[in-house]
Amino acid sequence: MTSTPAPPAGRREVRDGTSYVVLTRTFHAPVEDVWAAVTEPERLARWIGTWTGDPASGEVAFRMTAEGDGVAEETYRIDVCEPPRRLVLRTSVDDDGAEWQLELDLAESDGVTTLTFAQVMADPAVAENVGPGWDYYLDRLVAAESGRDASEVAWDDYYPARSEHYRAEFS
């Protein structure tokens, strides 16, 4: 059974002159539980991938298992880690030195935790692909943390059509 996700809610936000794509998700769970879902390898594996290494070194090797078996590991540098509220990571995405900077901020109120996910959009043209991708993965996170199988969230059914929303946000 495939679940129907909410419509795209990602938006463009400018912070200190830098453009970001920003998405939020809410969880009926304490902030520590959501933090575990986005930082512990076993919990990450349920919805996106897993990491190895020692975070105290300032970097980990991450592999997106949700993309299939042939996905290479990527090195993620940990710029900020303030459990259970803030995590900032960077990774190189190509040989030209382009980087992705990802920011996760969590806030809890009355037993509901809001995850605000942001990615720097140095090139607005990539938002039409990056935005739907993060919608998909964050919906998989919601499914996994709701006790459902993340594979119920089907890419082909809903996410490619979201490109237009993100194209408009960043034009």
C-alpha atoms as a PDB file:
ATOM      1  CA  MET A   1       0.000   0.000   0.000  1.00  0.00           C
ATOM      2  CA  THR A   2       1.430   3.371  -1.030  1.00  0.00           C
ATOM      3  CA  SER A   3       0.764   6.376   1.167  1.00  0.00           C
ATOM      4  CA  THR A   4      -0.075   9.756  -0.364  1.00  0.00           C
ATOM      5  CA  PRO A   5       2.344  12.460   0.771  1.00  0.00           C
ATOM      6  CA  ALA A   6       1.426  16.041   1.480  1.00  0.00           C
ATOM      7  CA  PRO A   7       1.894  18.510  -1.371  1.00  0.00           C
ATOM      8  CA  PRO A   8       5.366  20.063  -1.695  1.00  0.00           C
ATOM      9  CA  ALA A   9       5.957  22.612   1.012  1.00  0.00           C
ATOM     10  CA  GLY A  10       9.619  23.334   0.467  1.00  0.00           C
ATOM     11  CA  ARG A  11      10.434  26.979   0.049  1.00  0.00           C
ATOM     12  CA  ARG A  12      13.272  29.285  -0.851  1.00  0.00           C
ATOM     13  CA  GLU A  13      14.703  31.208   2.052  1.00  0.00           C
ATOM     14  CA  VAL A  14      17.571  33.703   2.058  1.00  0.00           C
ATOM     15  CA  ARG A  15      19.800  33.691   5.130  1.00  0.00           C
ATOM     16  CA  ASP A  16      22.630  36.211   5.338  1.00  0.00           C
ATOM     17  CA  GLY A  17      22.533  36.599   1.552  1.00  0.00           C
ATOM     18  CA  THR A  18      22.653  32.842   0.897  1.00  0.00           C
ATOM     19  CA  SER A  19      19.774  31.022  -0.790  1.00  0.00           C
ATOM     20  CA  TYR A  20      18.462  27.809   0.815  1.00  0.00           C
ATOM     21  CA  VAL A  21      15.765  25.278   0.072  1.00  0.00           C
ATOM     22  CA  VAL A  22      13.941  24.750   3.385  1.00  0.00           C
ATOM     23  CA  LEU A  23      11.556  21.925   4.284  1.00  0.00           C
ATOM     24  CA  THR A  24       9.877  21.085   7.586  1.00  0.00           C
ATOM     25  CA  ARG A  25       8.329  17.953   9.023  1.00  0.00           C
ATOM     26  CA  THR A  26       6.626  17.413  12.372  1.00  0.00           C
ATOM     27  CA  PHE A  27       6.726  14.371  14.621  1.00  0.00           C
ATOM     28  CA  HIS A  28       4.643  13.433  17.639  1.00  0.00           C
ATOM     29  CA  ALA A  29       7.803  12.483  19.495  1.00  0.00           C
ATOM     30  CA  PRO A  30      10.348  14.052  21.827  1.00  0.00           C
ATOM     31  CA  VAL A  31      13.240  15.930  20.252  1.00  0.00           C
ATOM     32  CA  GLU A  32      15.727  13.284  21.445  1.00  0.00           C
ATOM     33  CA  ASP A  33      13.849  10.610  19.496  1.00  0.00           C
ATOM     34  CA  VAL A  34      13.827  12.617  16.265  1.00  0.00           C
ATOM     35  CA  TRP A  35      17.511  13.456  16.790  1.00  0.00           C
ATOM     36  CA  ALA A  36      18.223   9.721  17.010  1.00  0.00           C
ATOM     37  CA  ALA A  37      16.276   9.154  13.779  1.00  0.00           C
ATOM     38  CA  VAL A  38      18.534  11.571  11.875  1.00  0.00           C
ATOM     39  CA  THR A  39      21.866  10.708  13.511  1.00  0.00           C
ATOM     40  CA  GLU A  40      21.998   7.027  14.545  1.00  0.00           C
ATOM     41  CA  PRO A  41      23.121   4.677  11.740  1.00  0.00           C
ATOM     42  CA  GLU A  42      20.490   2.033  12.519  1.00  0.00           C
ATOM     43  CA  ARG A  43      17.680   4.614  12.518  1.00  0.00           C
ATOM     44  CA  LEU A  44      18.956   6.347   9.368  1.00  0.00           C
ATOM     45  CA  ALA A  45      19.037   2.991   7.589  1.00  0.00           C
ATOM     46  CA  ARG A  46      15.247   2.750   7.875  1.00  0.00           C
ATOM     47  CA  TRP A  47      14.699   5.754   5.579  1.00  0.00           C
ATOM     48  CA  ILE A  48      17.811   6.948   3.723  1.00  0.00           C
ATOM     49  CA  GLY A  49      21.165   5.314   4.421  1.00  0.00           C
ATOM     50  CA  THR A  50      23.813   4.725   7.023  1.00  0.00           C
ATOM     51  CA  TRP A  51      27.178   6.044   8.088  1.00  0.00           C
ATOM     52  CA  THR A  52      30.411   4.619   9.453  1.00  0.00           C
ATOM     53  CA  GLY A  53      33.364   6.213  11.148  1.00  0.00           C
ATOM     54  CA  ASP A  54      33.945   8.288  14.236  1.00  0.00           C
ATOM     55  CA  PRO A  55      31.909  11.524  14.345  1.00  0.00           C
ATOM     56  CA  ALA A  56      34.384  12.892  16.914  1.00  0.00           C
ATOM     57  CA  SER A  57      36.922  13.043  14.060  1.00  0.00           C
ATOM     58  CA  GLY A  58      34.727  15.622  12.321  1.00  0.00           C
ATOM     59  CA  GLU A  59      33.658  13.407   9.441  1.00  0.00           C
ATOM     60  CA  VAL A  60      31.844  10.187   8.615  1.00  0.00           C
ATOM     61  CA  ALA A  61      31.368   8.042   5.512  1.00  0.00           C
ATOM     62  CA  PHE A  62      27.719   8.020   4.420  1.00  0.00           C
ATOM     63  CA  ARG A  63      26.046   5.698   1.922  1.00  0.00           C
ATOM     64  CA  MET A  64      22.495   6.177   0.667  1.00  0.00           C
ATOM     65  CA  THR A  65      21.041   2.675   0.902  1.00  0.00           C
ATOM     66  CA  ALA A  66      17.623   3.884  -0.258  1.00  0.00           C
ATOM     67  CA  GLU A  67      19.115   4.457  -3.728  1.00  0.00           C
ATOM     68  CA  GLY A  68      19.974   0.791  -4.288  1.00  0.00           C
ATOM     69  CA  ASP A  69      23.153  -1.224  -3.967  1.00  0.00           C
ATOM     70  CA  GLY A  70      25.452   0.610  -6.380  1.00  0.00           C
ATOM     71  CA  VAL A  71      25.697   3.935  -4.561  1.00  0.00           C
ATOM     72  CA  ALA A  72      29.184   4.973  -3.506  1.00  0.00           C
ATOM     73  CA  GLU A  73      30.042   6.223  -0.043  1.00  0.00           C
ATOM     74  CA  GLU A  74      30.464   9.949   0.395  1.00  0.00           C
ATOM     75  CA  THR A  75      32.460  11.749   3.061  1.00  0.00           C
ATOM     76  CA  TYR A  76      30.408  14.161   5.156  1.00  0.00           C
ATOM     77  CA  ARG A  77      32.177  16.754   7.266  1.00  0.00           C
ATOM     78  CA  ILE A  78      30.440  17.651  10.505  1.00  0.00           C
ATOM     79  CA  ASP A  79      30.585  21.432  10.913  1.00  0.00           C
ATOM     80  CA  VAL A  80      28.170  21.733  13.856  1.00  0.00           C
ATOM     81  CA  CYS A  81      26.777  19.053  16.160  1.00  0.00           C
ATOM     82  CA  GLU A  82      24.687  20.309  19.077  1.00  0.00           C
ATOM     83  CA  PRO A  83      22.576  17.346  20.240  1.00  0.00           C
ATOM     84  CA  PRO A  84      19.610  17.205  20.117  1.00  0.00           C
ATOM     85  CA  ARG A  85      18.986  20.535  18.377  1.00  0.00           C
ATOM     86  CA  ARG A  86      21.342  21.287  15.466  1.00  0.00           C
ATOM     87  CA  LEU A  87      23.453  19.445  12.915  1.00  0.00           C
ATOM     88  CA  VAL A  88      25.318  21.020   9.982  1.00  0.00           C
ATOM     89  CA  LEU A  89      27.060  18.806   7.422  1.00  0.00           C
ATOM     90  CA  ARG A  90      28.952  19.315   4.152  1.00  0.00           C
ATOM     91  CA  THR A  91      29.824  16.954   1.344  1.00  0.00           C
ATOM     92  CA  SER A  92      31.429  17.341  -2.068  1.00  0.00           C
ATOM     93  CA  VAL A  93      29.093  16.360  -4.880  1.00  0.00           C
ATOM     94  CA  ASP A  94      31.393  16.413  -7.899  1.00  0.00           C
ATOM     95  CA  ASP A  95      34.996  16.708  -9.004  1.00  0.00           C
ATOM     96  CA  ASP A  96      34.612  20.474  -9.519  1.00  0.00           C
ATOM     97  CA  GLY A  97      34.565  21.029  -5.757  1.00  0.00           C
ATOM     98  CA  ALA A  98      30.844  21.803  -5.543  1.00  0.00           C
ATOM     99  CA  GLU A  99      29.524  21.141  -2.052  1.00  0.00           C
ATOM    100  CA  TRP A 100      26.195  20.488  -0.434  1.00  0.00           C
ATOM    101  CA  GLN A 101      25.702  22.099   2.942  1.00  0.00           C
ATOM    102  CA  LEU A 102      22.862  20.534   4.921  1.00  0.00           C
ATOM    103  CA  GLU A 103      21.398  22.012   8.113  1.00  0.00           C
ATOM    104  CA  LEU A 104      19.010  20.213  10.447  1.00  0.00           C
ATOM    105  CA  ASP A 105      17.371  22.122  13.279  1.00  0.00           C
ATOM    106  CA  LEU A 106      14.980  20.501  15.750  1.00  0.00           C
ATOM    107  CA  ALA A 107      12.591  22.176  18.172  1.00  0.00           C
ATOM    108  CA  GLU A 108      10.096  20.561  20.539  1.00  0.00           C
ATOM    109  CA  SER A 109       6.886  22.034  21.901  1.00  0.00           C
ATOM    110  CA  ASP A 110       4.214  20.121  23.831  1.00  0.00           C
ATOM    111  CA  GLY A 111       5.549  16.727  22.727  1.00  0.00           C
ATOM    112  CA  VAL A 112       5.709  17.670  19.030  1.00  0.00           C
ATOM    113  CA  THR A 113       9.108  18.035  17.392  1.00  0.00           C
ATOM    114  CA  THR A 114       9.602  20.094  14.261  1.00  0.00           C
ATOM    115  CA  LEU A 115      12.522  19.249  12.016  1.00  0.00           C
ATOM    116  CA  THR A 116      13.622  22.108   9.783  1.00  0.00           C
ATOM    117  CA  PHE A 117      15.872  20.860   7.024  1.00  0.00           C
ATOM    118  CA  ALA A 118      17.792  23.334   4.865  1.00  0.00           C
ATOM    119  CA  GLN A 119      20.254  22.964   2.018  1.00  0.00           C
ATOM    120  CA  VAL A 120      22.285  25.785   0.538  1.00  0.00           C
ATOM    121  CA  MET A 121      21.237  26.381  -3.083  1.00  0.00           C
ATOM    122  CA  ALA A 122      24.335  27.991  -4.600  1.00  0.00           C
ATOM    123  CA  ASP A 123      22.943  27.077  -8.039  1.00  0.00           C
ATOM    124  CA  PRO A 124      19.166  27.731  -8.151  1.00  0.00           C
ATOM    125  CA  ALA A 125      18.875  25.540 -11.255  1.00  0.00           C
ATOM    126  CA  VAL A 126      19.415  22.378  -9.175  1.00  0.00           C
ATOM    127  CA  ALA A 127      16.478  23.151  -6.845  1.00  0.00           C
ATOM    128  CA  GLU A 128      14.039  21.477  -9.248  1.00  0.00           C
ATOM    129  CA  ASN A 129      15.813  18.169  -8.538  1.00  0.00           C
ATOM    130  CA  VAL A 130      17.062  18.692  -4.996  1.00  0.00           C
ATOM    131  CA  GLY A 131      13.694  19.891  -3.621  1.00  0.00           C
ATOM    132  CA  PRO A 132      11.664  16.865  -4.755  1.00  0.00           C
ATOM    133  CA  GLY A 133      14.479  14.594  -3.591  1.00  0.00           C
ATOM    134  CA  TRP A 134      14.413  15.960  -0.059  1.00  0.00           C
ATOM    135  CA  ASP A 135      10.596  15.927  -0.033  1.00  0.00           C
ATOM    136  CA  TYR A 136      10.839  12.221  -0.840  1.00  0.00           C
ATOM    137  CA  TYR A 137      13.457  11.391   1.777  1.00  0.00           C
ATOM    138  CA  LEU A 138      11.813  13.427   4.516  1.00  0.00           C
ATOM    139  CA  ASP A 139       8.483  11.736   3.753  1.00  0.00           C
ATOM    140  CA  ARG A 140      10.317   8.407   4.110  1.00  0.00           C
ATOM    141  CA  LEU A 141      11.595   9.619   7.489  1.00  0.00           C
ATOM    142  CA  VAL A 142       8.044  10.485   8.580  1.00  0.00           C
ATOM    143  CA  ALA A 143       6.832   7.062   7.454  1.00  0.00           C
ATOM    144  CA  ALA A 144       9.627   5.242   9.301  1.00  0.00           C
ATOM    145  CA  GLU A 145       9.097   7.244  12.484  1.00  0.00           C
ATOM    146  CA  SER A 146       5.337   6.621  12.308  1.00  0.00           C
ATOM    147  CA  GLY A 147       5.928   2.879  12.374  1.00  0.00           C
ATOM    148  CA  ARG A 148       5.286   2.411   8.656  1.00  0.00           C
ATOM    149  CA  ASP A 149       7.611   0.928   6.076  1.00  0.00           C
ATOM    150  CA  ALA A 150       9.472   3.760   4.314  1.00  0.00           C
ATOM    151  CA  SER A 151       9.219   1.820   1.053  1.00  0.00           C
ATOM    152  CA  GLU A 152       5.509   2.739   1.022  1.00  0.00           C
ATOM    153  CA  VAL A 153       6.665   6.174  -0.113  1.00  0.00           C
ATOM    154  CA  ALA A 154       6.929   5.743  -3.881  1.00  0.00           C
ATOM    155  CA  TRP A 155       9.134   8.170  -5.828  1.00  0.00           C
ATOM    156  CA  ASP A 156       7.483   7.707  -9.219  1.00  0.00           C
ATOM    157  CA  ASP A 157       3.956   8.319  -7.943  1.00  0.00           C
ATOM    158  CA  TYR A 158       4.365  11.873  -6.636  1.00  0.00           C
ATOM    159  CA  TYR A 159       7.817  13.375  -6.523  1.00  0.00           C
ATOM    160  CA  PRO A 160       8.975  14.052 -10.111  1.00  0.00           C
ATOM    161  CA  ALA A 161       5.950  16.336 -10.613  1.00  0.00           C
ATOM    162  CA  ARG A 162       7.193  18.523  -7.746  1.00  0.00           C
ATOM    163  CA  SER A 163       9.999  19.931  -9.886  1.00  0.00           C
ATOM    164  CA  GLU A 164       7.749  22.745 -11.115  1.00  0.00           C
ATOM    165  CA  HIS A 165       7.059  23.915  -7.542  1.00  0.00           C
ATOM    166  CA  TYR A 166      10.784  24.198  -6.817  1.00  0.00           C
ATOM    167  CA  ARG A 167      11.564  25.711 -10.207  1.00  0.00           C
ATOM    168  CA  ALA A 168       9.021  28.464  -9.436  1.00  0.00           C
ATOM    169  CA  GLU A 169      10.398  28.964  -5.896  1.00  0.00           C
ATOM    170  CA  PHE A 170      13.899  29.589  -7.246  1.00  0.00           C
ATOM    171  CA  SER A 171      13.183  31.518 -10.440  1.00  0.00           C
END
